[in-house]
């Protein structure tokens, strides 16, 4: 399903009259109220462009990140704490790590349903959400912006339920995603169904980042399942356990720089070769 024509606006211009203090750094844009045919709803889509985007002809890897409200702006983030994706990407650009980030805003009360790929005790429309990202949003982004559309340069990233749907997307669409970041993923949904799903899925060559804090459920069972599947530590797979960390936006912001360094490492080598 193709995306209906939509404007891409400067984010700070878009929100300037809402009376809130916004914390955007760098070039962040918004596609307002994009129609999502697979879910029959509308949602803002945010886009971060790296510092060199407007001064070069380069093409960039793309990270599709969930919970867009929490990524860039304290004014829209849960409990006023954002992931500082814009600040982090600005800093990483100085190290040669540059990427476009597409932030998909969640559906509020529908968030759990839209990020759940395993309907059962809880309703789930995660497969439809992934279909939107892969079959509607990504083609539009690739046709509109200077992306590197190939598998190796396309990632999916999220935390909690966003981490769960990111893992599902990586293993259900190996034709699309070559990178996956899952911070504090909700592995428990439908009795740890994602573990069996990953074990049975076709091999997807790429990089997977997993983490959790010591004061929340562990992502280690997924790490162990992927090691058994053949993913090699440091080459394909990185698992981080942060001592004393809880299930919070600020914890994910702290761990984000190293997560992105790991995921973008191969592409950085291509860029600098």
C-alpha atoms as a PDB file:
ATOM      1  CA  UNK A   1       0.000   0.000   0.000  1.00  0.00           C
ATOM      2  CA  UNK A   2       1.461   3.344  -1.027  1.00  0.00           C
ATOM      3  CA  UNK A   3       1.630   6.335   1.272  1.00  0.00           C
ATOM      4  CA  UNK A   4      -0.669   9.214   0.451  1.00  0.00           C
ATOM      5  CA  UNK A   5       1.144  12.483  -0.405  1.00  0.00           C
ATOM      6  CA  UNK A   6       2.198  14.234   2.785  1.00  0.00           C
ATOM      7  CA  UNK A   7       4.143  17.370   3.679  1.00  0.00           C
ATOM      8  CA  UNK A   8       7.487  17.179   5.470  1.00  0.00           C
ATOM      9  CA  UNK A   9       7.732  20.177   7.800  1.00  0.00           C
ATOM     10  CA  UNK A  10      10.344  21.589  10.149  1.00  0.00           C
ATOM     11  CA  UNK A  11       9.448  20.177  13.561  1.00  0.00           C
ATOM     12  CA  UNK A  12       9.981  23.366  15.558  1.00  0.00           C
ATOM     13  CA  UNK A  13       7.859  25.332  13.117  1.00  0.00           C
ATOM     14  CA  UNK A  14       5.135  22.708  13.373  1.00  0.00           C
ATOM     15  CA  UNK A  15       4.945  22.911  17.194  1.00  0.00           C
ATOM     16  CA  UNK A  16       5.893  26.573  17.750  1.00  0.00           C
ATOM     17  CA  UNK A  17       2.444  27.734  18.870  1.00  0.00           C
ATOM     18  CA  UNK A  18       1.571  24.932  21.296  1.00  0.00           C
ATOM     19  CA  UNK A  19       2.907  26.750  24.366  1.00  0.00           C
ATOM     20  CA  UNK A  20       5.425  24.100  25.396  1.00  0.00           C
ATOM     21  CA  UNK A  21       9.209  24.287  25.722  1.00  0.00           C
ATOM     22  CA  UNK A  22      10.722  21.997  23.089  1.00  0.00           C
ATOM     23  CA  UNK A  23      14.226  20.517  23.249  1.00  0.00           C
ATOM     24  CA  UNK A  24      15.013  19.668  19.628  1.00  0.00           C
ATOM     25  CA  UNK A  25      18.647  19.765  18.488  1.00  0.00           C
ATOM     26  CA  UNK A  26      19.691  19.592  14.852  1.00  0.00           C
ATOM     27  CA  UNK A  27      17.501  18.933  11.822  1.00  0.00           C
ATOM     28  CA  UNK A  28      14.274  17.250  12.937  1.00  0.00           C
ATOM     29  CA  UNK A  29      11.263  17.204  10.623  1.00  0.00           C
ATOM     30  CA  UNK A  30       7.695  15.932  10.879  1.00  0.00           C
ATOM     31  CA  UNK A  31       5.229  14.283   8.542  1.00  0.00           C
ATOM     32  CA  UNK A  32       1.957  15.298  10.223  1.00  0.00           C
ATOM     33  CA  UNK A  33      -0.837  12.784  10.674  1.00  0.00           C
ATOM     34  CA  UNK A  34       0.254  10.188   8.162  1.00  0.00           C
ATOM     35  CA  UNK A  35      -2.501   7.745   7.219  1.00  0.00           C
ATOM     36  CA  UNK A  36      -1.604   4.162   8.194  1.00  0.00           C
ATOM     37  CA  UNK A  37      -3.789   1.948   5.980  1.00  0.00           C
ATOM     38  CA  UNK A  38      -2.832  -1.294   7.720  1.00  0.00           C
ATOM     39  CA  UNK A  39      -4.130   0.049  11.063  1.00  0.00           C
ATOM     40  CA  UNK A  40      -6.726   2.509   9.716  1.00  0.00           C
ATOM     41  CA  UNK A  41      -5.409   5.391  11.790  1.00  0.00           C
ATOM     42  CA  UNK A  42      -3.234   8.486  11.531  1.00  0.00           C
ATOM     43  CA  UNK A  43       0.063   9.198  13.243  1.00  0.00           C
ATOM     44  CA  UNK A  44       2.860  11.791  13.174  1.00  0.00           C
ATOM     45  CA  UNK A  45       6.143  10.519  11.744  1.00  0.00           C
ATOM     46  CA  UNK A  46       9.335  12.306  12.811  1.00  0.00           C
ATOM     47  CA  UNK A  47      12.556  12.394  10.803  1.00  0.00           C
ATOM     48  CA  UNK A  48      16.041  13.286  12.031  1.00  0.00           C
ATOM     49  CA  UNK A  49      18.592  14.166   9.325  1.00  0.00           C
ATOM     50  CA  UNK A  50      22.350  14.144  10.070  1.00  0.00           C
ATOM     51  CA  UNK A  51      24.430  17.348   9.967  1.00  0.00           C
ATOM     52  CA  UNK A  52      25.909  16.643   6.530  1.00  0.00           C
ATOM     53  CA  UNK A  53      22.557  15.888   4.877  1.00  0.00           C
ATOM     54  CA  UNK A  54      22.039  19.387   3.462  1.00  0.00           C
ATOM     55  CA  UNK A  55      25.662  19.941   2.443  1.00  0.00           C
ATOM     56  CA  UNK A  56      26.487  16.688   0.670  1.00  0.00           C
ATOM     57  CA  UNK A  57      25.100  14.229  -1.837  1.00  0.00           C
ATOM     58  CA  UNK A  58      25.693  11.223   0.421  1.00  0.00           C
ATOM     59  CA  UNK A  59      23.138   8.520   1.079  1.00  0.00           C
ATOM     60  CA  UNK A  60      22.542   7.361   4.625  1.00  0.00           C
ATOM     61  CA  UNK A  61      21.467   4.279   6.561  1.00  0.00           C
ATOM     62  CA  UNK A  62      18.028   4.523   8.148  1.00  0.00           C
ATOM     63  CA  UNK A  63      16.908   3.528  11.630  1.00  0.00           C
ATOM     64  CA  UNK A  64      13.153   3.099  12.111  1.00  0.00           C
ATOM     65  CA  UNK A  65      12.537   3.777  15.798  1.00  0.00           C
ATOM     66  CA  UNK A  66       9.363   3.190  17.773  1.00  0.00           C
ATOM     67  CA  UNK A  67       7.692   5.474  20.339  1.00  0.00           C
ATOM     68  CA  UNK A  68       8.507   8.575  18.323  1.00  0.00           C
ATOM     69  CA  UNK A  69       7.095  10.888  21.012  1.00  0.00           C
ATOM     70  CA  UNK A  70       9.895   9.822  23.356  1.00  0.00           C
ATOM     71  CA  UNK A  71      12.874  10.100  21.032  1.00  0.00           C
ATOM     72  CA  UNK A  72      13.702  13.772  20.526  1.00  0.00           C
ATOM     73  CA  UNK A  73      11.608  16.158  22.588  1.00  0.00           C
ATOM     74  CA  UNK A  74      11.103  16.401  26.354  1.00  0.00           C
ATOM     75  CA  UNK A  75       7.822  18.244  25.729  1.00  0.00           C
ATOM     76  CA  UNK A  76       6.229  15.139  24.214  1.00  0.00           C
ATOM     77  CA  UNK A  77       8.178  12.400  26.020  1.00  0.00           C
ATOM     78  CA  UNK A  78       6.821  10.140  28.731  1.00  0.00           C
ATOM     79  CA  UNK A  79       7.329  11.778  32.156  1.00  0.00           C
ATOM     80  CA  UNK A  80       9.318  14.548  30.458  1.00  0.00           C
ATOM     81  CA  UNK A  81      12.385  12.382  29.743  1.00  0.00           C
ATOM     82  CA  UNK A  82      13.306  11.788  26.110  1.00  0.00           C
ATOM     83  CA  UNK A  83      15.906   9.437  24.632  1.00  0.00           C
ATOM     84  CA  UNK A  84      18.024  12.359  23.399  1.00  0.00           C
ATOM     85  CA  UNK A  85      18.273  10.713  19.990  1.00  0.00           C
ATOM     86  CA  UNK A  86      18.912  14.061  18.315  1.00  0.00           C
ATOM     87  CA  UNK A  87      21.703  15.058  20.728  1.00  0.00           C
ATOM     88  CA  UNK A  88      23.216  11.570  20.501  1.00  0.00           C
ATOM     89  CA  UNK A  89      23.182  11.480  16.706  1.00  0.00           C
ATOM     90  CA  UNK A  90      24.674  14.967  16.520  1.00  0.00           C
ATOM     91  CA  UNK A  91      27.541  13.843  18.771  1.00  0.00           C
ATOM     92  CA  UNK A  92      28.049  10.521  16.965  1.00  0.00           C
ATOM     93  CA  UNK A  93      28.287  12.327  13.639  1.00  0.00           C
ATOM     94  CA  UNK A  94      31.612  13.703  14.869  1.00  0.00           C
ATOM     95  CA  UNK A  95      32.837  10.084  15.076  1.00  0.00           C
ATOM     96  CA  UNK A  96      31.659   9.238  11.558  1.00  0.00           C
ATOM     97  CA  UNK A  97      28.376   7.603  12.566  1.00  0.00           C
ATOM     98  CA  UNK A  98      25.610   9.248  10.547  1.00  0.00           C
ATOM     99  CA  UNK A  99      22.118   7.979   9.856  1.00  0.00           C
ATOM    100  CA  UNK A 100      18.595   9.117   9.177  1.00  0.00           C
ATOM    101  CA  UNK A 101      16.251   8.303  12.052  1.00  0.00           C
ATOM    102  CA  UNK A 102      12.544   7.833  11.354  1.00  0.00           C
ATOM    103  CA  UNK A 103      10.527   8.032  14.576  1.00  0.00           C
ATOM    104  CA  UNK A 104       7.088   6.431  14.399  1.00  0.00           C
ATOM    105  CA  UNK A 105       4.781   7.885  17.042  1.00  0.00           C
ATOM    106  CA  UNK A 106       2.845   5.327  19.059  1.00  0.00           C
ATOM    107  CA  UNK A 107      -0.918   5.058  19.244  1.00  0.00           C
ATOM    108  CA  UNK A 108      -1.502   6.088  22.849  1.00  0.00           C
ATOM    109  CA  UNK A 109      -4.039   3.672  24.276  1.00  0.00           C
ATOM    110  CA  UNK A 110      -3.471   1.430  21.240  1.00  0.00           C
ATOM    111  CA  UNK A 111       0.292   1.223  21.797  1.00  0.00           C
ATOM    112  CA  UNK A 112       0.294  -2.204  23.462  1.00  0.00           C
ATOM    113  CA  UNK A 113      -1.953  -3.655  20.776  1.00  0.00           C
ATOM    114  CA  UNK A 114       0.021  -2.183  17.881  1.00  0.00           C
ATOM    115  CA  UNK A 115       3.357  -3.367  19.294  1.00  0.00           C
ATOM    116  CA  UNK A 116       2.140  -6.884  20.151  1.00  0.00           C
ATOM    117  CA  UNK A 117       2.802  -9.406  17.362  1.00  0.00           C
ATOM    118  CA  UNK A 118       1.411 -12.369  19.331  1.00  0.00           C
ATOM    119  CA  UNK A 119      -2.325 -11.921  19.988  1.00  0.00           C
ATOM    120  CA  UNK A 120      -3.650 -14.110  22.752  1.00  0.00           C
ATOM    121  CA  UNK A 121      -4.344 -12.960  26.286  1.00  0.00           C
ATOM    122  CA  UNK A 122      -3.660  -9.458  24.933  1.00  0.00           C
ATOM    123  CA  UNK A 123      -4.954  -8.286  21.542  1.00  0.00           C
ATOM    124  CA  UNK A 124      -2.222  -7.852  18.982  1.00  0.00           C
ATOM    125  CA  UNK A 125      -1.840  -6.007  15.677  1.00  0.00           C
ATOM    126  CA  UNK A 126       1.927  -6.054  15.558  1.00  0.00           C
ATOM    127  CA  UNK A 127       2.072  -7.786  12.190  1.00  0.00           C
ATOM    128  CA  UNK A 128       0.004  -4.976  10.664  1.00  0.00           C
ATOM    129  CA  UNK A 129       2.278  -2.384  12.239  1.00  0.00           C
ATOM    130  CA  UNK A 130       5.368  -4.067  10.770  1.00  0.00           C
ATOM    131  CA  UNK A 131       3.651  -4.252   7.386  1.00  0.00           C
ATOM    132  CA  UNK A 132       3.128  -0.479   7.515  1.00  0.00           C
ATOM    133  CA  UNK A 133       6.782   0.187   8.306  1.00  0.00           C
ATOM    134  CA  UNK A 134       8.101  -2.187   5.632  1.00  0.00           C
ATOM    135  CA  UNK A 135       5.601  -1.906   2.807  1.00  0.00           C
ATOM    136  CA  UNK A 136       4.255   1.646   3.088  1.00  0.00           C
ATOM    137  CA  UNK A 137       6.565   3.888   5.107  1.00  0.00           C
ATOM    138  CA  UNK A 138       9.964   2.585   3.972  1.00  0.00           C
ATOM    139  CA  UNK A 139       9.225   2.886   0.220  1.00  0.00           C
ATOM    140  CA  UNK A 140       8.116   6.488   0.770  1.00  0.00           C
ATOM    141  CA  UNK A 141      11.220   7.339   2.806  1.00  0.00           C
ATOM    142  CA  UNK A 142      13.505   5.702   0.225  1.00  0.00           C
ATOM    143  CA  UNK A 143      11.828   7.585  -2.630  1.00  0.00           C
ATOM    144  CA  UNK A 144      11.828  10.934  -0.808  1.00  0.00           C
ATOM    145  CA  UNK A 145      15.133  11.088   1.094  1.00  0.00           C
ATOM    146  CA  UNK A 146      18.711  10.105   0.245  1.00  0.00           C
ATOM    147  CA  UNK A 147      18.766   6.715   1.906  1.00  0.00           C
ATOM    148  CA  UNK A 148      20.810   3.578   1.551  1.00  0.00           C
ATOM    149  CA  UNK A 149      17.782   1.296   1.103  1.00  0.00           C
ATOM    150  CA  UNK A 150      19.603  -2.026   1.262  1.00  0.00           C
ATOM    151  CA  UNK A 151      19.129  -4.573   4.040  1.00  0.00           C
ATOM    152  CA  UNK A 152      22.528  -3.942   5.663  1.00  0.00           C
ATOM    153  CA  UNK A 153      21.772  -0.233   6.108  1.00  0.00           C
ATOM    154  CA  UNK A 154      18.201  -0.513   7.412  1.00  0.00           C
ATOM    155  CA  UNK A 155      17.503  -0.919  11.115  1.00  0.00           C
ATOM    156  CA  UNK A 156      14.602  -1.166  13.522  1.00  0.00           C
ATOM    157  CA  UNK A 157      14.858  -0.058  17.152  1.00  0.00           C
ATOM    158  CA  UNK A 158      12.694   0.224  20.260  1.00  0.00           C
ATOM    159  CA  UNK A 159      12.357  -0.320  23.984  1.00  0.00           C
ATOM    160  CA  UNK A 160       9.973  -2.378  26.110  1.00  0.00           C
ATOM    161  CA  UNK A 161       7.066  -3.300  23.805  1.00  0.00           C
ATOM    162  CA  UNK A 162       8.913  -1.337  21.129  1.00  0.00           C
ATOM    163  CA  UNK A 163      11.828  -3.704  21.671  1.00  0.00           C
ATOM    164  CA  UNK A 164       9.539  -6.696  21.263  1.00  0.00           C
ATOM    165  CA  UNK A 165       8.094  -5.465  17.974  1.00  0.00           C
ATOM    166  CA  UNK A 166      11.596  -4.581  16.760  1.00  0.00           C
ATOM    167  CA  UNK A 167      12.798  -8.145  17.325  1.00  0.00           C
ATOM    168  CA  UNK A 168       9.696  -9.469  15.588  1.00  0.00           C
ATOM    169  CA  UNK A 169      10.259  -7.113  12.642  1.00  0.00           C
ATOM    170  CA  UNK A 170      13.900  -8.191  12.284  1.00  0.00           C
ATOM    171  CA  UNK A 171      13.035 -11.893  12.161  1.00  0.00           C
ATOM    172  CA  UNK A 172       9.777 -11.615  10.221  1.00  0.00           C
ATOM    173  CA  UNK A 173      11.191  -9.334   7.521  1.00  0.00           C
ATOM    174  CA  UNK A 174      14.777 -10.394   6.811  1.00  0.00           C
ATOM    175  CA  UNK A 175      14.315  -8.860   3.358  1.00  0.00           C
ATOM    176  CA  UNK A 176      14.138  -5.411   4.972  1.00  0.00           C
ATOM    177  CA  UNK A 177      16.085  -5.200   8.225  1.00  0.00           C
ATOM    178  CA  UNK A 178      19.790  -5.818   8.764  1.00  0.00           C
ATOM    179  CA  UNK A 179      19.989  -4.127  12.169  1.00  0.00           C
ATOM    180  CA  UNK A 180      17.881  -4.458  15.308  1.00  0.00           C
ATOM    181  CA  UNK A 181      18.041  -2.666  18.642  1.00  0.00           C
ATOM    182  CA  UNK A 182      15.885  -3.971  21.502  1.00  0.00           C
ATOM    183  CA  UNK A 183      16.305  -2.159  24.806  1.00  0.00           C
ATOM    184  CA  UNK A 184      14.600  -3.813  27.785  1.00  0.00           C
ATOM    185  CA  UNK A 185      12.410  -5.861  25.406  1.00  0.00           C
ATOM    186  CA  UNK A 186       9.111  -7.252  26.700  1.00  0.00           C
ATOM    187  CA  UNK A 187      10.019 -10.883  26.088  1.00  0.00           C
ATOM    188  CA  UNK A 188       7.286 -12.147  28.436  1.00  0.00           C
ATOM    189  CA  UNK A 189       4.370 -11.412  26.066  1.00  0.00           C
ATOM    190  CA  UNK A 190       2.362 -14.535  25.228  1.00  0.00           C
ATOM    191  CA  UNK A 191       4.599 -16.710  27.414  1.00  0.00           C
ATOM    192  CA  UNK A 192       7.873 -15.653  25.787  1.00  0.00           C
ATOM    193  CA  UNK A 193       6.558 -16.338  22.281  1.00  0.00           C
ATOM    194  CA  UNK A 194       9.275 -14.180  20.717  1.00  0.00           C
ATOM    195  CA  UNK A 195      11.948 -16.656  21.855  1.00  0.00           C
ATOM    196  CA  UNK A 196      10.422 -19.555  19.928  1.00  0.00           C
ATOM    197  CA  UNK A 197       9.696 -17.245  17.002  1.00  0.00           C
ATOM    198  CA  UNK A 198      13.326 -16.172  16.790  1.00  0.00           C
ATOM    199  CA  UNK A 199      14.589 -19.742  17.139  1.00  0.00           C
ATOM    200  CA  UNK A 200      12.396 -20.912  14.246  1.00  0.00           C
ATOM    201  CA  UNK A 201      12.924 -17.909  11.982  1.00  0.00           C
ATOM    202  CA  UNK A 202      15.116 -17.974   8.908  1.00  0.00           C
ATOM    203  CA  UNK A 203      18.656 -16.728   9.407  1.00  0.00           C
ATOM    204  CA  UNK A 204      18.925 -12.961   9.052  1.00  0.00           C
ATOM    205  CA  UNK A 205      22.499 -11.789   8.608  1.00  0.00           C
ATOM    206  CA  UNK A 206      22.927  -8.583  10.567  1.00  0.00           C
ATOM    207  CA  UNK A 207      23.548  -6.976  13.944  1.00  0.00           C
ATOM    208  CA  UNK A 208      21.349  -7.261  17.030  1.00  0.00           C
ATOM    209  CA  UNK A 209      21.713  -5.158  20.177  1.00  0.00           C
ATOM    210  CA  UNK A 210      19.987  -6.251  23.418  1.00  0.00           C
ATOM    211  CA  UNK A 211      20.051  -4.775  26.901  1.00  0.00           C
ATOM    212  CA  UNK A 212      18.361  -4.410  30.270  1.00  0.00           C
ATOM    213  CA  UNK A 213      18.961  -2.926  33.695  1.00  0.00           C
ATOM    214  CA  UNK A 214      19.430  -5.044  36.789  1.00  0.00           C
ATOM    215  CA  UNK A 215      16.129  -3.755  38.242  1.00  0.00           C
ATOM    216  CA  UNK A 216      13.948  -5.081  35.416  1.00  0.00           C
ATOM    217  CA  UNK A 217      13.358  -8.378  33.578  1.00  0.00           C
ATOM    218  CA  UNK A 218      16.401  -9.700  31.758  1.00  0.00           C
ATOM    219  CA  UNK A 219      16.942  -9.840  27.991  1.00  0.00           C
ATOM    220  CA  UNK A 220      19.523 -12.584  28.483  1.00  0.00           C
ATOM    221  CA  UNK A 221      17.162 -15.417  27.401  1.00  0.00           C
ATOM    222  CA  UNK A 222      17.011 -13.834  23.948  1.00  0.00           C
ATOM    223  CA  UNK A 223      20.779 -13.403  23.912  1.00  0.00           C
ATOM    224  CA  UNK A 224      21.206 -17.096  24.771  1.00  0.00           C
ATOM    225  CA  UNK A 225      18.663 -18.173  22.148  1.00  0.00           C
ATOM    226  CA  UNK A 226      20.459 -16.138  19.484  1.00  0.00           C
ATOM    227  CA  UNK A 227      23.873 -17.444  20.493  1.00  0.00           C
ATOM    228  CA  UNK A 228      22.508 -20.976  20.139  1.00  0.00           C
ATOM    229  CA  UNK A 229      21.105 -20.042  16.740  1.00  0.00           C
ATOM    230  CA  UNK A 230      24.568 -19.048  15.548  1.00  0.00           C
ATOM    231  CA  UNK A 231      24.790 -15.302  16.156  1.00  0.00           C
ATOM    232  CA  UNK A 232      28.286 -14.533  17.363  1.00  0.00           C
ATOM    233  CA  UNK A 233      29.013 -12.144  20.214  1.00  0.00           C
ATOM    234  CA  UNK A 234      30.709  -8.930  19.115  1.00  0.00           C
ATOM    235  CA  UNK A 235      30.263  -9.784  15.417  1.00  0.00           C
ATOM    236  CA  UNK A 236      26.480 -10.160  15.216  1.00  0.00           C
ATOM    237  CA  UNK A 237      25.284  -9.671  18.759  1.00  0.00           C
ATOM    238  CA  UNK A 238      25.809  -7.369  21.730  1.00  0.00           C
ATOM    239  CA  UNK A 239      24.145  -7.758  25.128  1.00  0.00           C
ATOM    240  CA  UNK A 240      24.464  -5.142  27.895  1.00  0.00           C
ATOM    241  CA  UNK A 241      23.295  -5.444  31.499  1.00  0.00           C
ATOM    242  CA  UNK A 242      23.443  -2.058  33.230  1.00  0.00           C
ATOM    243  CA  UNK A 243      23.905  -2.308  36.982  1.00  0.00           C
ATOM    244  CA  UNK A 244      21.299  -0.382  38.957  1.00  0.00           C
ATOM    245  CA  UNK A 245      19.275   0.664  35.906  1.00  0.00           C
ATOM    246  CA  UNK A 246      15.480   0.589  35.771  1.00  0.00           C
ATOM    247  CA  UNK A 247      12.855   0.495  33.024  1.00  0.00           C
ATOM    248  CA  UNK A 248      13.030   4.203  32.153  1.00  0.00           C
ATOM    249  CA  UNK A 249      13.554   6.562  29.252  1.00  0.00           C
ATOM    250  CA  UNK A 250      16.632   8.032  30.958  1.00  0.00           C
ATOM    251  CA  UNK A 251      18.252   4.577  31.195  1.00  0.00           C
ATOM    252  CA  UNK A 252      17.655   3.973  27.490  1.00  0.00           C
ATOM    253  CA  UNK A 253      19.102   7.404  26.681  1.00  0.00           C
ATOM    254  CA  UNK A 254      22.267   6.515  28.630  1.00  0.00           C
ATOM    255  CA  UNK A 255      22.770   3.270  26.741  1.00  0.00           C
ATOM    256  CA  UNK A 256      21.830   4.630  23.324  1.00  0.00           C
ATOM    257  CA  UNK A 257      25.229   5.932  22.126  1.00  0.00           C
ATOM    258  CA  UNK A 258      26.995   2.584  22.473  1.00  0.00           C
ATOM    259  CA  UNK A 259      23.997   0.745  21.029  1.00  0.00           C
ATOM    260  CA  UNK A 260      24.135   2.903  17.912  1.00  0.00           C
ATOM    261  CA  UNK A 261      27.912   2.579  17.613  1.00  0.00           C
ATOM    262  CA  UNK A 262      27.503  -1.204  17.555  1.00  0.00           C
ATOM    263  CA  UNK A 263      24.625  -1.262  15.079  1.00  0.00           C
ATOM    264  CA  UNK A 264      26.133   1.266  12.669  1.00  0.00           C
ATOM    265  CA  UNK A 265      29.675  -0.105  12.843  1.00  0.00           C
ATOM    266  CA  UNK A 266      29.576  -2.017   9.568  1.00  0.00           C
ATOM    267  CA  UNK A 267      27.947   0.819   7.713  1.00  0.00           C
ATOM    268  CA  UNK A 268      30.465   3.268   9.101  1.00  0.00           C
ATOM    269  CA  UNK A 269      33.199   1.094   7.622  1.00  0.00           C
ATOM    270  CA  UNK A 270      31.441   1.233   4.237  1.00  0.00           C
ATOM    271  CA  UNK A 271      31.131   5.005   4.459  1.00  0.00           C
ATOM    272  CA  UNK A 272      34.790   5.514   5.295  1.00  0.00           C
ATOM    273  CA  UNK A 273      36.271   2.845   3.011  1.00  0.00           C
END
